Amino acid sequence: MKSNCEVCKLRRYAEKKPDSFIAKFWRWHTKWCPGWKAYQAELNQTQDPISHGS
C-alpha cells in the first residue's frame, strides 16, 4: 500500500506544533491507520541496508 503520509499537511502541522490538538489527534490516528503502518514499512525498507545487502 502506497501512503501519502510523506506529503500529508496534517502530519506536517502536527510535527511543527507537537502540543496542539491536531498533533494529539495525529498520534491517536497513527495507532490504527493502515496508511501510517504502510508508510512506516516503506521507511524501514529504505533505511535498512542489512536486509538488502546479504
C-alpha atoms as a PDB file:
ATOM      1  CA  MET A   1       0.000   0.000   0.000  1.00  0.00           C
ATOM      2  CA  LYS A   2       1.455   3.348  -1.045  1.00  0.00           C
ATOM      3  CA  SER A   3       0.833   6.010   1.561  1.00  0.00           C
ATOM      4  CA  ASN A   4       0.547   9.777   1.340  1.00  0.00           C
ATOM      5  CA  CYS A   5       1.984  10.395   4.806  1.00  0.00           C
ATOM      6  CA  GLU A   6       5.153  11.951   3.466  1.00  0.00           C
ATOM      7  CA  VAL A   7       3.199  14.858   1.954  1.00  0.00           C
ATOM      8  CA  CYS A   8       0.312  14.977   4.444  1.00  0.00           C
ATOM      9  CA  LYS A   9      -0.451  18.512   5.654  1.00  0.00           C
ATOM     10  CA  LEU A  10      -1.927  17.205   8.898  1.00  0.00           C
ATOM     11  CA  ARG A  11       1.272  15.312   9.731  1.00  0.00           C
ATOM     12  CA  ARG A  12       3.440  18.329   8.929  1.00  0.00           C
ATOM     13  CA  TYR A  13       1.345  20.597  11.134  1.00  0.00           C
ATOM     14  CA  ALA A  14       1.485  18.062  13.974  1.00  0.00           C
ATOM     15  CA  GLU A  15       5.278  17.928  13.710  1.00  0.00           C
ATOM     16  CA  LYS A  16       5.564  21.724  13.818  1.00  0.00           C
ATOM     17  CA  LYS A  17       3.191  22.084  16.798  1.00  0.00           C
ATOM     18  CA  PRO A  18       3.515  18.889  18.860  1.00  0.00           C
ATOM     19  CA  ASP A  19       1.402  20.205  21.767  1.00  0.00           C
ATOM     20  CA  SER A  20      -1.599  21.153  19.631  1.00  0.00           C
ATOM     21  CA  PHE A  21      -4.898  19.308  19.458  1.00  0.00           C
ATOM     22  CA  ILE A  22      -4.086  18.389  15.855  1.00  0.00           C
ATOM     23  CA  ALA A  23      -0.870  16.695  16.995  1.00  0.00           C
ATOM     24  CA  LYS A  24      -2.759  14.736  19.659  1.00  0.00           C
ATOM     25  CA  PHE A  25      -5.314  13.687  17.053  1.00  0.00           C
ATOM     26  CA  TRP A  26      -2.483  12.710  14.695  1.00  0.00           C
ATOM     27  CA  ARG A  27      -0.789  10.495  17.295  1.00  0.00           C
ATOM     28  CA  TRP A  28      -4.116   8.804  18.111  1.00  0.00           C
ATOM     29  CA  HIS A  29      -4.775   8.294  14.402  1.00  0.00           C
ATOM     30  CA  THR A  30      -1.397   6.625  13.776  1.00  0.00           C
ATOM     31  CA  LYS A  31      -2.226   3.838  16.242  1.00  0.00           C
ATOM     32  CA  TRP A  32      -4.780   2.297  13.881  1.00  0.00           C
ATOM     33  CA  CYS A  33      -4.241   3.842  10.428  1.00  0.00           C
ATOM     34  CA  PRO A  34      -3.235   1.265   7.786  1.00  0.00           C
ATOM     35  CA  GLY A  35      -1.697   4.032   5.663  1.00  0.00           C
ATOM     36  CA  TRP A  36       0.617   5.065   8.513  1.00  0.00           C
ATOM     37  CA  LYS A  37       1.649   1.454   9.045  1.00  0.00           C
ATOM     38  CA  ALA A  38       2.420   1.148   5.336  1.00  0.00           C
ATOM     39  CA  TYR A  39       4.422   4.380   5.456  1.00  0.00           C
ATOM     40  CA  GLN A  40       6.472   3.077   8.385  1.00  0.00           C
ATOM     41  CA  ALA A  41       7.126  -0.171   6.489  1.00  0.00           C
ATOM     42  CA  GLU A  42       8.262   1.855   3.444  1.00  0.00           C
ATOM     43  CA  LEU A  43      10.676   3.835   5.626  1.00  0.00           C
ATOM     44  CA  ASN A  44      12.047   0.677   7.214  1.00  0.00           C
ATOM     45  CA  GLN A  45      12.719  -0.850   3.793  1.00  0.00           C
ATOM     46  CA  THR A  46      14.617   2.188   2.549  1.00  0.00           C
ATOM     47  CA  GLN A  47      16.604   2.688   5.765  1.00  0.00           C
ATOM     48  CA  ASP A  48      17.575  -0.933   6.472  1.00  0.00           C
ATOM     49  CA  PRO A  49      20.584  -1.753   4.237  1.00  0.00           C
ATOM     50  CA  ILE A  50      21.262  -5.027   6.100  1.00  0.00           C
ATOM     51  CA  SER A  51      18.100  -6.695   4.786  1.00  0.00           C
ATOM     52  CA  HIS A  52      19.020  -5.753   1.210  1.00  0.00           C
ATOM     53  CA  GLY A  53      22.758  -6.378   1.379  1.00  0.00           C
ATOM     54  CA  SER A  54      23.168 -10.097   2.183  1.00  0.00           C
END
